[in-house]
C-alpha cells in the first residue's frame, strides 16, 4: 500500500502485522486513513467490526489499523504524523496537551468509565491482600496503571508504597505473565479477564463496580487533520457510529469478530466480556467532560499546568453534533 505520509519504523512494523493492514476496496480510489489503537480489547475493536461489516467500504475509506501498546506512544505517533486517527486511552493525549501540543483533540468517546479488574489466585482474595504483591499492568502511565492506582486508593492503599508494578506490554502479555507465575496479580480488561476467570482465577477488585470516570477509550485526532480532511474524518465517524449500533444490537456478530481477531473460541468467555463491557460503551460516541476532568485531576499531582485547563478545551464535537442535528443517529438507531 502507498501512504501519503511515511510511517516510522515502529509504525511500519506494526502496520505490516496488523489484521486491518490490507484494506483495499477496488478501483474507486477510497480515501486512505491510517489509525492506531493501543489495546487489543473489546472497547477498541470498533475498527475491526467496521471492516468485517463493510462499513469502511460503504464510506469510501481505505483504513489501516496499527497496534502500539501505550497511549503515550500512540499520541507521539499521532503528533509525528504517523497516523491521522487514534483509538486509545486519554491520559497520553491529555498529558501532551498540557505540554503544549494543543493540536491534539478528542472528537468522540467509546468508553468513559474504567472497566479493568484485578485478578488473582490462591489466597489473594481481598483488596488488603494485595499489599506487597507484584501487579502486572500494560504500561506505566497507561489505563491499567491509572486504574490500579485509583482502585487501591478507594481501599485505603497507596500504590506507590503498597504494591510493585510490573510492566508487561498489553493485556495478552499480562495474562501470560500471570499464568506463568511471573506476577501475583493481573490487571485485565474484557475479554481477557473472562479468560482468567474461566481458568479458575478470581476477581480481587472488579472495576465496573467502582464506576471510575476516565476517558478509557476515545477517538483522538489533530485539529490540523480535521482542517485538511474534514470529509474523510466525518465519514470515519459515521462509520464508527454505525459500528456502535451494530455493537449494541448484534452480539453474535461481535462474538464472531472478537473471536477472529483475538483468537477466542470459548463462547462463555465472549459472552461474559460482552455482558460486562456493553453496559459502558457509548451508543452515540459521547466523550464526557468528567472523564477528561478525572485525568486532569490525576495529572495535576505531578504537573501543575493541569489545573489551568478545562476538559472542553480538548474536545471538538462537530461530527457528533452534525450526526445529531441531521438525524443520522436517529436513522441508524431506527434500523433493524
C-alpha atoms as a PDB file:
ATOM      1  CA  UNK A   1       0.000   0.000   0.000  1.00  0.00           C
ATOM      2  CA  UNK A   2       1.081   3.573  -0.591  1.00  0.00           C
ATOM      3  CA  UNK A   3       0.619   6.180   2.144  1.00  0.00           C
ATOM      4  CA  UNK A   4       0.689   9.939   1.892  1.00  0.00           C
ATOM      5  CA  UNK A   5       2.953  10.104   4.942  1.00  0.00           C
ATOM      6  CA  UNK A   6       5.886   7.933   5.702  1.00  0.00           C
ATOM      7  CA  UNK A   7       5.439   5.695   8.723  1.00  0.00           C
ATOM      8  CA  UNK A   8       8.069   5.424  11.416  1.00  0.00           C
ATOM      9  CA  UNK A   9       9.865   2.094  11.644  1.00  0.00           C
ATOM     10  CA  UNK A  10       7.811   1.146  14.688  1.00  0.00           C
ATOM     11  CA  UNK A  11       4.580   2.047  12.955  1.00  0.00           C
ATOM     12  CA  UNK A  12       5.560   0.233   9.770  1.00  0.00           C
ATOM     13  CA  UNK A  13       6.392  -2.984  11.609  1.00  0.00           C
ATOM     14  CA  UNK A  14       3.093  -2.795  13.463  1.00  0.00           C
ATOM     15  CA  UNK A  15       1.199  -1.976  10.292  1.00  0.00           C
ATOM     16  CA  UNK A  16       2.555  -4.920   8.333  1.00  0.00           C
ATOM     17  CA  UNK A  17       1.395  -7.286  11.070  1.00  0.00           C
ATOM     18  CA  UNK A  18      -1.982  -5.599  11.553  1.00  0.00           C
ATOM     19  CA  UNK A  19      -5.107  -7.601  10.671  1.00  0.00           C
ATOM     20  CA  UNK A  20      -6.552  -4.454   9.076  1.00  0.00           C
ATOM     21  CA  UNK A  21      -3.450  -3.702   7.028  1.00  0.00           C
ATOM     22  CA  UNK A  22      -4.776  -4.915   3.698  1.00  0.00           C
ATOM     23  CA  UNK A  23      -7.992  -2.944   3.371  1.00  0.00           C
ATOM     24  CA  UNK A  24      -8.284  -2.055  -0.289  1.00  0.00           C
ATOM     25  CA  UNK A  25     -11.587  -1.523  -1.997  1.00  0.00           C
ATOM     26  CA  UNK A  26     -11.305  -1.905  -5.699  1.00  0.00           C
ATOM     27  CA  UNK A  27     -10.699   0.858  -8.182  1.00  0.00           C
ATOM     28  CA  UNK A  28     -12.919   3.573  -6.665  1.00  0.00           C
ATOM     29  CA  UNK A  29      -9.901   5.275  -5.087  1.00  0.00           C
ATOM     30  CA  UNK A  30     -11.122   5.288  -1.492  1.00  0.00           C
ATOM     31  CA  UNK A  31      -9.643   7.811   0.915  1.00  0.00           C
ATOM     32  CA  UNK A  32      -6.672   6.358   2.764  1.00  0.00           C
ATOM     33  CA  UNK A  33      -6.652   6.806   6.513  1.00  0.00           C
ATOM     34  CA  UNK A  34      -4.121   5.347   8.957  1.00  0.00           C
ATOM     35  CA  UNK A  35      -5.193   4.754  12.539  1.00  0.00           C
ATOM     36  CA  UNK A  36      -3.575   3.450  15.699  1.00  0.00           C
ATOM     37  CA  UNK A  37      -5.088   1.648  18.673  1.00  0.00           C
ATOM     38  CA  UNK A  38      -3.380   0.904  21.958  1.00  0.00           C
ATOM     39  CA  UNK A  39      -5.053  -2.270  23.247  1.00  0.00           C
ATOM     40  CA  UNK A  40      -6.479  -5.479  21.848  1.00  0.00           C
ATOM     41  CA  UNK A  41      -9.700  -5.254  23.839  1.00  0.00           C
ATOM     42  CA  UNK A  42     -13.407  -5.050  23.103  1.00  0.00           C
ATOM     43  CA  UNK A  43     -13.696  -1.296  23.626  1.00  0.00           C
ATOM     44  CA  UNK A  44     -11.062  -0.668  20.937  1.00  0.00           C
ATOM     45  CA  UNK A  45     -12.471  -3.198  18.493  1.00  0.00           C
ATOM     46  CA  UNK A  46     -14.785  -0.856  16.555  1.00  0.00           C
ATOM     47  CA  UNK A  47     -12.409  -0.649  13.553  1.00  0.00           C
ATOM     48  CA  UNK A  48     -12.365  -4.465  13.409  1.00  0.00           C
ATOM     49  CA  UNK A  49     -16.154  -4.510  13.496  1.00  0.00           C
ATOM     50  CA  UNK A  50     -16.385  -1.821  10.821  1.00  0.00           C
ATOM     51  CA  UNK A  51     -14.103  -3.732   8.491  1.00  0.00           C
ATOM     52  CA  UNK A  52     -15.980  -7.004   8.903  1.00  0.00           C
ATOM     53  CA  UNK A  53     -19.341  -5.255   8.438  1.00  0.00           C
ATOM     54  CA  UNK A  54     -18.171  -3.493   5.256  1.00  0.00           C
ATOM     55  CA  UNK A  55     -18.689  -0.045   6.741  1.00  0.00           C
ATOM     56  CA  UNK A  56     -15.332   1.386   5.688  1.00  0.00           C
ATOM     57  CA  UNK A  57     -16.165   0.379   2.151  1.00  0.00           C
ATOM     58  CA  UNK A  58     -19.595   1.980   2.482  1.00  0.00           C
ATOM     59  CA  UNK A  59     -17.986   5.289   3.420  1.00  0.00           C
ATOM     60  CA  UNK A  60     -15.217   5.007   0.823  1.00  0.00           C
ATOM     61  CA  UNK A  61     -12.380   4.725   3.337  1.00  0.00           C
ATOM     62  CA  UNK A  62      -9.272   2.591   2.996  1.00  0.00           C
ATOM     63  CA  UNK A  63      -8.487   2.282   6.700  1.00  0.00           C
ATOM     64  CA  UNK A  64      -5.313   0.707   8.041  1.00  0.00           C
ATOM     65  CA  UNK A  65      -5.056  -0.037  11.752  1.00  0.00           C
ATOM     66  CA  UNK A  66      -1.743  -0.158  13.609  1.00  0.00           C
ATOM     67  CA  UNK A  67      -1.344  -1.554  17.123  1.00  0.00           C
ATOM     68  CA  UNK A  68       1.041   0.232  19.506  1.00  0.00           C
ATOM     69  CA  UNK A  69       0.692  -0.546  23.191  1.00  0.00           C
ATOM     70  CA  UNK A  70       0.637   2.676  25.271  1.00  0.00           C
ATOM     71  CA  UNK A  71      -1.465   5.780  24.855  1.00  0.00           C
ATOM     72  CA  UNK A  72       1.643   7.929  25.306  1.00  0.00           C
ATOM     73  CA  UNK A  73       3.432   6.312  22.364  1.00  0.00           C
ATOM     74  CA  UNK A  74       0.234   6.424  20.312  1.00  0.00           C
ATOM     75  CA  UNK A  75      -0.021  10.163  20.977  1.00  0.00           C
ATOM     76  CA  UNK A  76       3.607  10.666  19.947  1.00  0.00           C
ATOM     77  CA  UNK A  77       2.956   8.778  16.711  1.00  0.00           C
ATOM     78  CA  UNK A  78      -0.123  10.909  16.013  1.00  0.00           C
ATOM     79  CA  UNK A  79       1.790  14.131  16.625  1.00  0.00           C
ATOM     80  CA  UNK A  80       4.663  12.864  14.500  1.00  0.00           C
ATOM     81  CA  UNK A  81       2.396  12.309  11.504  1.00  0.00           C
ATOM     82  CA  UNK A  82       2.485   8.509  11.507  1.00  0.00           C
ATOM     83  CA  UNK A  83      -1.315   8.388  11.701  1.00  0.00           C
ATOM     84  CA  UNK A  84      -4.318  10.694  11.431  1.00  0.00           C
ATOM     85  CA  UNK A  85      -6.710   8.912  13.769  1.00  0.00           C
ATOM     86  CA  UNK A  86      -6.277   7.074  17.067  1.00  0.00           C
ATOM     87  CA  UNK A  87      -8.486   4.865  19.225  1.00  0.00           C
ATOM     88  CA  UNK A  88      -6.881   4.938  22.634  1.00  0.00           C
ATOM     89  CA  UNK A  89      -6.973   5.888  26.303  1.00  0.00           C
ATOM     90  CA  UNK A  90      -6.996   9.558  27.181  1.00  0.00           C
ATOM     91  CA  UNK A  91      -4.045  10.031  29.500  1.00  0.00           C
ATOM     92  CA  UNK A  92      -1.303  10.247  26.866  1.00  0.00           C
ATOM     93  CA  UNK A  93      -3.262  12.776  24.864  1.00  0.00           C
ATOM     94  CA  UNK A  94      -4.130  14.940  27.867  1.00  0.00           C
ATOM     95  CA  UNK A  95      -0.503  14.901  29.039  1.00  0.00           C
ATOM     96  CA  UNK A  96       0.653  16.003  25.579  1.00  0.00           C
ATOM     97  CA  UNK A  97      -1.944  18.781  25.541  1.00  0.00           C
ATOM     98  CA  UNK A  98      -0.626  20.104  28.857  1.00  0.00           C
ATOM     99  CA  UNK A  99       2.870  20.181  27.389  1.00  0.00           C
ATOM    100  CA  UNK A 100       1.709  22.449  24.574  1.00  0.00           C
ATOM    101  CA  UNK A 101       0.554  20.017  21.871  1.00  0.00           C
ATOM    102  CA  UNK A 102      -2.849  21.666  21.562  1.00  0.00           C
ATOM    103  CA  UNK A 103      -3.318  20.289  18.053  1.00  0.00           C
ATOM    104  CA  UNK A 104      -4.499  17.086  19.774  1.00  0.00           C
ATOM    105  CA  UNK A 105      -8.285  16.912  20.004  1.00  0.00           C
ATOM    106  CA  UNK A 106     -10.917  14.441  21.246  1.00  0.00           C
ATOM    107  CA  UNK A 107     -13.764  14.046  18.736  1.00  0.00           C
ATOM    108  CA  UNK A 108     -15.714  11.172  20.254  1.00  0.00           C
ATOM    109  CA  UNK A 109     -15.803   8.628  23.023  1.00  0.00           C
ATOM    110  CA  UNK A 110     -16.311   4.901  23.249  1.00  0.00           C
ATOM    111  CA  UNK A 111     -15.874   4.298  26.963  1.00  0.00           C
ATOM    112  CA  UNK A 112     -15.939   6.960  29.682  1.00  0.00           C
ATOM    113  CA  UNK A 113     -15.653   4.577  32.635  1.00  0.00           C
ATOM    114  CA  UNK A 114     -12.857   2.221  33.590  1.00  0.00           C
ATOM    115  CA  UNK A 115     -13.680  -1.499  33.478  1.00  0.00           C
ATOM    116  CA  UNK A 116     -10.324  -3.012  34.333  1.00  0.00           C
ATOM    117  CA  UNK A 117     -10.214  -5.682  37.016  1.00  0.00           C
ATOM    118  CA  UNK A 118      -7.580  -7.095  39.318  1.00  0.00           C
ATOM    119  CA  UNK A 119      -7.478 -10.880  39.084  1.00  0.00           C
ATOM    120  CA  UNK A 120      -5.548 -13.313  41.281  1.00  0.00           C
ATOM    121  CA  UNK A 121      -5.442 -16.851  42.540  1.00  0.00           C
ATOM    122  CA  UNK A 122      -4.742 -18.676  45.774  1.00  0.00           C
ATOM    123  CA  UNK A 123      -5.090 -16.708  48.995  1.00  0.00           C
ATOM    124  CA  UNK A 124      -5.157 -13.263  47.368  1.00  0.00           C
ATOM    125  CA  UNK A 125      -8.874 -12.675  47.710  1.00  0.00           C
ATOM    126  CA  UNK A 126      -9.481  -9.256  49.273  1.00  0.00           C
ATOM    127  CA  UNK A 127      -8.087  -5.822  48.351  1.00  0.00           C
ATOM    128  CA  UNK A 128      -5.971  -5.756  51.508  1.00  0.00           C
ATOM    129  CA  UNK A 129      -4.304  -8.995  50.362  1.00  0.00           C
ATOM    130  CA  UNK A 130      -2.717  -7.020  47.524  1.00  0.00           C
ATOM    131  CA  UNK A 131      -0.161  -5.348  49.779  1.00  0.00           C
ATOM    132  CA  UNK A 132       3.378  -6.278  48.829  1.00  0.00           C
ATOM    133  CA  UNK A 133       2.289  -8.089  45.679  1.00  0.00           C
ATOM    134  CA  UNK A 134       3.512  -7.784  42.088  1.00  0.00           C
ATOM    135  CA  UNK A 135       0.752  -6.406  39.874  1.00  0.00           C
ATOM    136  CA  UNK A 136       1.050  -6.687  36.117  1.00  0.00           C
ATOM    137  CA  UNK A 137      -0.084  -3.673  34.075  1.00  0.00           C
ATOM    138  CA  UNK A 138       0.242  -2.998  30.354  1.00  0.00           C
ATOM    139  CA  UNK A 139       2.226   0.220  30.680  1.00  0.00           C
ATOM    140  CA  UNK A 140       3.266   2.521  33.492  1.00  0.00           C
ATOM    141  CA  UNK A 141       1.248   5.684  32.944  1.00  0.00           C
ATOM    142  CA  UNK A 142      -1.417   3.914  30.883  1.00  0.00           C
ATOM    143  CA  UNK A 143      -5.025   2.951  31.584  1.00  0.00           C
ATOM    144  CA  UNK A 144      -4.275  -0.169  33.587  1.00  0.00           C
ATOM    145  CA  UNK A 145      -1.736   1.628  35.767  1.00  0.00           C
ATOM    146  CA  UNK A 146      -4.108   4.524  36.399  1.00  0.00           C
ATOM    147  CA  UNK A 147      -6.985   2.186  37.263  1.00  0.00           C
ATOM    148  CA  UNK A 148      -4.908   0.283  39.799  1.00  0.00           C
ATOM    149  CA  UNK A 149      -3.796   3.496  41.497  1.00  0.00           C
ATOM    150  CA  UNK A 150      -7.388   4.703  41.717  1.00  0.00           C
ATOM    151  CA  UNK A 151      -8.798   1.363  42.819  1.00  0.00           C
ATOM    152  CA  UNK A 152      -6.243   0.861  45.586  1.00  0.00           C
ATOM    153  CA  UNK A 153      -6.847   4.420  46.788  1.00  0.00           C
ATOM    154  CA  UNK A 154     -10.514   3.569  47.262  1.00  0.00           C
ATOM    155  CA  UNK A 155      -9.452   0.793  49.624  1.00  0.00           C
ATOM    156  CA  UNK A 156      -7.091   2.969  51.626  1.00  0.00           C
ATOM    157  CA  UNK A 157      -3.856   1.931  49.925  1.00  0.00           C
ATOM    158  CA  UNK A 158      -1.061   3.890  48.282  1.00  0.00           C
ATOM    159  CA  UNK A 159       0.024   2.170  45.072  1.00  0.00           C
ATOM    160  CA  UNK A 160       3.461   3.798  45.156  1.00  0.00           C
ATOM    161  CA  UNK A 161       4.156   2.253  48.531  1.00  0.00           C
ATOM    162  CA  UNK A 162       1.991  -0.836  48.912  1.00  0.00           C
ATOM    163  CA  UNK A 163       2.483  -2.742  45.628  1.00  0.00           C
ATOM    164  CA  UNK A 164       5.056  -3.336  42.910  1.00  0.00           C
ATOM    165  CA  UNK A 165       4.077  -2.672  39.306  1.00  0.00           C
ATOM    166  CA  UNK A 166       5.381  -4.908  36.540  1.00  0.00           C
ATOM    167  CA  UNK A 167       5.043  -3.528  33.018  1.00  0.00           C
ATOM    168  CA  UNK A 168       4.077  -6.225  30.515  1.00  0.00           C
ATOM    169  CA  UNK A 169       3.118  -4.506  27.255  1.00  0.00           C
ATOM    170  CA  UNK A 170      -0.557  -5.405  26.910  1.00  0.00           C
ATOM    171  CA  UNK A 171      -3.487  -7.484  28.140  1.00  0.00           C
ATOM    172  CA  UNK A 172      -2.395 -10.753  26.472  1.00  0.00           C
ATOM    173  CA  UNK A 173       1.131 -10.302  27.833  1.00  0.00           C
ATOM    174  CA  UNK A 174      -0.196  -9.580  31.327  1.00  0.00           C
ATOM    175  CA  UNK A 175      -2.314 -12.712  31.194  1.00  0.00           C
ATOM    176  CA  UNK A 176       0.648 -14.805  30.033  1.00  0.00           C
ATOM    177  CA  UNK A 177       2.873 -13.424  32.800  1.00  0.00           C
ATOM    178  CA  UNK A 178       0.150 -14.121  35.344  1.00  0.00           C
ATOM    179  CA  UNK A 179      -0.406 -17.712  34.255  1.00  0.00           C
ATOM    180  CA  UNK A 180       3.350 -18.351  34.264  1.00  0.00           C
ATOM    181  CA  UNK A 181       3.678 -17.078  37.830  1.00  0.00           C
ATOM    182  CA  UNK A 182       5.839 -14.067  36.992  1.00  0.00           C
ATOM    183  CA  UNK A 183       3.335 -11.742  38.663  1.00  0.00           C
ATOM    184  CA  UNK A 184       0.951 -12.226  41.582  1.00  0.00           C
ATOM    185  CA  UNK A 185      -1.952 -10.169  40.301  1.00  0.00           C
ATOM    186  CA  UNK A 186      -3.111  -9.265  36.794  1.00  0.00           C
ATOM    187  CA  UNK A 187      -4.811  -6.076  35.702  1.00  0.00           C
ATOM    188  CA  UNK A 188      -7.080  -7.259  32.881  1.00  0.00           C
ATOM    189  CA  UNK A 189      -9.780  -5.854  30.608  1.00  0.00           C
ATOM    190  CA  UNK A 190     -12.640  -7.690  28.834  1.00  0.00           C
ATOM    191  CA  UNK A 191     -12.383 -10.222  27.338  1.00  0.00           C
ATOM    192  CA  UNK A 192      -9.024 -11.232  28.871  1.00  0.00           C
ATOM    193  CA  UNK A 193     -10.377 -11.103  32.423  1.00  0.00           C
ATOM    194  CA  UNK A 194     -13.087 -13.565  31.420  1.00  0.00           C
ATOM    195  CA  UNK A 195     -10.383 -15.932  30.170  1.00  0.00           C
ATOM    196  CA  UNK A 196      -8.734 -15.808  33.577  1.00  0.00           C
ATOM    197  CA  UNK A 197     -11.996 -16.480  35.406  1.00  0.00           C
ATOM    198  CA  UNK A 198     -12.709 -19.407  33.062  1.00  0.00           C
ATOM    199  CA  UNK A 199      -9.371 -20.915  34.163  1.00  0.00           C
ATOM    200  CA  UNK A 200     -10.313 -20.811  37.818  1.00  0.00           C
ATOM    201  CA  UNK A 201      -8.867 -17.483  38.952  1.00  0.00           C
ATOM    202  CA  UNK A 202     -10.995 -14.897  40.737  1.00  0.00           C
ATOM    203  CA  UNK A 203     -11.621 -11.173  40.952  1.00  0.00           C
ATOM    204  CA  UNK A 204      -9.978  -9.277  43.785  1.00  0.00           C
ATOM    205  CA  UNK A 205     -11.253  -5.894  42.602  1.00  0.00           C
ATOM    206  CA  UNK A 206     -13.989  -5.773  39.968  1.00  0.00           C
ATOM    207  CA  UNK A 207     -13.587  -2.428  38.235  1.00  0.00           C
ATOM    208  CA  UNK A 208     -17.078  -1.929  36.780  1.00  0.00           C
ATOM    209  CA  UNK A 209     -18.477  -1.811  40.316  1.00  0.00           C
ATOM    210  CA  UNK A 210     -16.275   1.182  41.155  1.00  0.00           C
ATOM    211  CA  UNK A 211     -17.545   3.299  38.237  1.00  0.00           C
ATOM    212  CA  UNK A 212     -14.301   5.282  37.994  1.00  0.00           C
ATOM    213  CA  UNK A 213     -14.740   8.102  35.429  1.00  0.00           C
ATOM    214  CA  UNK A 214     -11.990   8.194  32.840  1.00  0.00           C
ATOM    215  CA  UNK A 215     -11.594   8.630  29.089  1.00  0.00           C
ATOM    216  CA  UNK A 216     -10.749   4.953  28.789  1.00  0.00           C
ATOM    217  CA  UNK A 217     -11.279   4.727  25.028  1.00  0.00           C
ATOM    218  CA  UNK A 218     -11.727   7.724  22.738  1.00  0.00           C
ATOM    219  CA  UNK A 219     -11.311   8.882  19.155  1.00  0.00           C
ATOM    220  CA  UNK A 220      -8.437  11.350  19.043  1.00  0.00           C
ATOM    221  CA  UNK A 221      -7.022  13.170  16.040  1.00  0.00           C
ATOM    222  CA  UNK A 222      -5.437  16.566  15.328  1.00  0.00           C
ATOM    223  CA  UNK A 223      -7.144  19.862  14.593  1.00  0.00           C
ATOM    224  CA  UNK A 224      -4.845  20.263  11.602  1.00  0.00           C
ATOM    225  CA  UNK A 225      -6.018  16.919  10.192  1.00  0.00           C
ATOM    226  CA  UNK A 226      -9.649  17.977  10.593  1.00  0.00           C
ATOM    227  CA  UNK A 227      -8.900  21.216   8.759  1.00  0.00           C
ATOM    228  CA  UNK A 228      -7.275  19.402   5.841  1.00  0.00           C
ATOM    229  CA  UNK A 229      -9.564  16.365   5.625  1.00  0.00           C
ATOM    230  CA  UNK A 230     -12.912  17.268   7.209  1.00  0.00           C
ATOM    231  CA  UNK A 231     -14.958  14.991   4.946  1.00  0.00           C
ATOM    232  CA  UNK A 232     -12.736  11.956   5.474  1.00  0.00           C
ATOM    233  CA  UNK A 233     -12.798  12.307   9.246  1.00  0.00           C
ATOM    234  CA  UNK A 234     -16.536  12.892   9.093  1.00  0.00           C
ATOM    235  CA  UNK A 235     -17.038   9.705   7.082  1.00  0.00           C
ATOM    236  CA  UNK A 236     -14.864   7.795   9.529  1.00  0.00           C
ATOM    237  CA  UNK A 237     -17.013   8.965  12.432  1.00  0.00           C
ATOM    238  CA  UNK A 238     -20.175   7.983  10.577  1.00  0.00           C
ATOM    239  CA  UNK A 239     -18.721   4.524  10.048  1.00  0.00           C
ATOM    240  CA  UNK A 240     -17.929   4.342  13.752  1.00  0.00           C
ATOM    241  CA  UNK A 241     -21.442   5.485  14.670  1.00  0.00           C
ATOM    242  CA  UNK A 242     -22.936   2.690  12.576  1.00  0.00           C
ATOM    243  CA  UNK A 243     -20.477   0.257  14.125  1.00  0.00           C
ATOM    244  CA  UNK A 244     -21.541   1.302  17.611  1.00  0.00           C
ATOM    245  CA  UNK A 245     -25.129   0.473  16.637  1.00  0.00           C
ATOM    246  CA  UNK A 246     -24.003  -2.972  15.480  1.00  0.00           C
ATOM    247  CA  UNK A 247     -22.041  -3.483  18.710  1.00  0.00           C
ATOM    248  CA  UNK A 248     -25.146  -2.784  20.801  1.00  0.00           C
ATOM    249  CA  UNK A 249     -27.630  -4.798  18.759  1.00  0.00           C
ATOM    250  CA  UNK A 250     -25.843  -7.795  17.231  1.00  0.00           C
ATOM    251  CA  UNK A 251     -23.915  -9.691  19.874  1.00  0.00           C
ATOM    252  CA  UNK A 252     -23.462 -12.736  17.638  1.00  0.00           C
ATOM    253  CA  UNK A 253     -21.598 -10.578  15.124  1.00  0.00           C
ATOM    254  CA  UNK A 254     -19.469  -9.132  17.938  1.00  0.00           C
ATOM    255  CA  UNK A 255     -18.616 -12.642  19.158  1.00  0.00           C
ATOM    256  CA  UNK A 256     -17.605 -13.631  15.652  1.00  0.00           C
ATOM    257  CA  UNK A 257     -15.314 -10.646  15.138  1.00  0.00           C
ATOM    258  CA  UNK A 258     -13.718 -10.764  18.585  1.00  0.00           C
ATOM    259  CA  UNK A 259     -13.208 -14.484  18.172  1.00  0.00           C
ATOM    260  CA  UNK A 260     -11.432 -13.908  14.868  1.00  0.00           C
ATOM    261  CA  UNK A 261      -9.143 -11.056  15.910  1.00  0.00           C
ATOM    262  CA  UNK A 262      -8.419 -12.240  19.458  1.00  0.00           C
ATOM    263  CA  UNK A 263      -8.351 -15.947  18.565  1.00  0.00           C
ATOM    264  CA  UNK A 264     -11.049 -16.794  21.091  1.00  0.00           C
ATOM    265  CA  UNK A 265     -13.292 -19.823  20.713  1.00  0.00           C
ATOM    266  CA  UNK A 266     -14.849 -20.091  24.171  1.00  0.00           C
ATOM    267  CA  UNK A 267     -18.371 -18.703  23.864  1.00  0.00           C
ATOM    268  CA  UNK A 268     -18.705 -18.297  27.626  1.00  0.00           C
ATOM    269  CA  UNK A 269     -15.661 -16.019  27.668  1.00  0.00           C
ATOM    270  CA  UNK A 270     -17.030 -13.919  24.814  1.00  0.00           C
ATOM    271  CA  UNK A 271     -20.444 -13.715  26.433  1.00  0.00           C
ATOM    272  CA  UNK A 272     -19.027 -12.695  29.804  1.00  0.00           C
ATOM    273  CA  UNK A 273     -16.877  -9.987  28.208  1.00  0.00           C
ATOM    274  CA  UNK A 274     -19.758  -8.635  26.151  1.00  0.00           C
ATOM    275  CA  UNK A 275     -22.179  -8.509  29.075  1.00  0.00           C
ATOM    276  CA  UNK A 276     -19.670  -6.618  31.228  1.00  0.00           C
ATOM    277  CA  UNK A 277     -18.440  -4.166  28.619  1.00  0.00           C
ATOM    278  CA  UNK A 278     -21.501  -3.269  26.571  1.00  0.00           C
ATOM    279  CA  UNK A 279     -23.087  -1.534  29.578  1.00  0.00           C
ATOM    280  CA  UNK A 280     -20.484   1.243  29.482  1.00  0.00           C
ATOM    281  CA  UNK A 281     -19.852   1.595  25.744  1.00  0.00           C
ATOM    282  CA  UNK A 282     -21.322   4.819  24.373  1.00  0.00           C
ATOM    283  CA  UNK A 283     -24.068   4.163  21.781  1.00  0.00           C
ATOM    284  CA  UNK A 284     -23.704   7.711  20.370  1.00  0.00           C
ATOM    285  CA  UNK A 285     -19.958   8.067  20.855  1.00  0.00           C
ATOM    286  CA  UNK A 286     -20.184  10.781  23.509  1.00  0.00           C
ATOM    287  CA  UNK A 287     -16.948  11.966  25.109  1.00  0.00           C
ATOM    288  CA  UNK A 288     -17.882  13.094  28.624  1.00  0.00           C
ATOM    289  CA  UNK A 289     -16.144  16.074  30.182  1.00  0.00           C
ATOM    290  CA  UNK A 290     -15.962  14.376  33.579  1.00  0.00           C
ATOM    291  CA  UNK A 291     -13.916  11.564  32.059  1.00  0.00           C
ATOM    292  CA  UNK A 292     -11.274  14.068  30.933  1.00  0.00           C
ATOM    293  CA  UNK A 293     -11.532  16.062  34.162  1.00  0.00           C
ATOM    294  CA  UNK A 294     -10.597  12.910  36.083  1.00  0.00           C
ATOM    295  CA  UNK A 295      -7.377  12.664  34.058  1.00  0.00           C
ATOM    296  CA  UNK A 296      -6.590  16.346  34.608  1.00  0.00           C
ATOM    297  CA  UNK A 297      -7.014  15.906  38.348  1.00  0.00           C
ATOM    298  CA  UNK A 298      -4.717  12.888  38.402  1.00  0.00           C
ATOM    299  CA  UNK A 299      -2.036  14.627  36.335  1.00  0.00           C
ATOM    300  CA  UNK A 300      -2.221  17.769  38.470  1.00  0.00           C
ATOM    301  CA  UNK A 301      -0.313  15.941  41.199  1.00  0.00           C
ATOM    302  CA  UNK A 302       2.818  15.978  39.039  1.00  0.00           C
ATOM    303  CA  UNK A 303       2.013  18.720  36.506  1.00  0.00           C
ATOM    304  CA  UNK A 304       0.537  21.936  37.978  1.00  0.00           C
ATOM    305  CA  UNK A 305      -0.471  23.048  34.477  1.00  0.00           C
ATOM    306  CA  UNK A 306      -3.355  20.578  34.634  1.00  0.00           C
ATOM    307  CA  UNK A 307      -5.212  22.924  36.987  1.00  0.00           C
ATOM    308  CA  UNK A 308      -5.294  25.641  34.322  1.00  0.00           C
ATOM    309  CA  UNK A 309      -7.122  23.644  31.650  1.00  0.00           C
ATOM    310  CA  UNK A 310     -10.771  22.732  31.166  1.00  0.00           C
ATOM    311  CA  UNK A 311     -11.878  19.477  29.521  1.00  0.00           C
ATOM    312  CA  UNK A 312     -13.923  21.421  26.970  1.00  0.00           C
ATOM    313  CA  UNK A 313     -10.741  22.907  25.511  1.00  0.00           C
ATOM    314  CA  UNK A 314      -9.653  19.451  24.358  1.00  0.00           C
ATOM    315  CA  UNK A 315     -12.960  18.443  22.731  1.00  0.00           C
ATOM    316  CA  UNK A 316     -14.416  19.178  19.293  1.00  0.00           C
ATOM    317  CA  UNK A 317     -17.942  17.781  18.944  1.00  0.00           C
ATOM    318  CA  UNK A 318     -18.581  18.959  15.384  1.00  0.00           C
ATOM    319  CA  UNK A 319     -19.037  15.467  13.956  1.00  0.00           C
ATOM    320  CA  UNK A 320     -21.225  14.229  16.802  1.00  0.00           C
ATOM    321  CA  UNK A 321     -23.289  17.421  16.651  1.00  0.00           C
ATOM    322  CA  UNK A 322     -23.737  17.081  12.893  1.00  0.00           C
ATOM    323  CA  UNK A 323     -24.929  13.490  13.255  1.00  0.00           C
ATOM    324  CA  UNK A 324     -27.402  14.544  15.943  1.00  0.00           C
ATOM    325  CA  UNK A 325     -28.725  17.602  14.103  1.00  0.00           C
ATOM    326  CA  UNK A 326     -29.039  15.842  10.747  1.00  0.00           C
ATOM    327  CA  UNK A 327     -30.946  12.959  12.275  1.00  0.00           C
ATOM    328  CA  UNK A 328     -28.203  10.470  11.335  1.00  0.00           C
ATOM    329  CA  UNK A 329     -28.100   8.891  14.800  1.00  0.00           C
ATOM    330  CA  UNK A 330     -31.876   8.529  14.862  1.00  0.00           C
ATOM    331  CA  UNK A 331     -31.853   6.968  11.405  1.00  0.00           C
ATOM    332  CA  UNK A 332     -29.308   4.278  12.223  1.00  0.00           C
ATOM    333  CA  UNK A 333     -30.930   3.575  15.586  1.00  0.00           C
ATOM    334  CA  UNK A 334     -34.260   3.034  13.835  1.00  0.00           C
ATOM    335  CA  UNK A 335     -32.770   0.411  11.535  1.00  0.00           C
ATOM    336  CA  UNK A 336     -33.372  -3.201  12.483  1.00  0.00           C
END
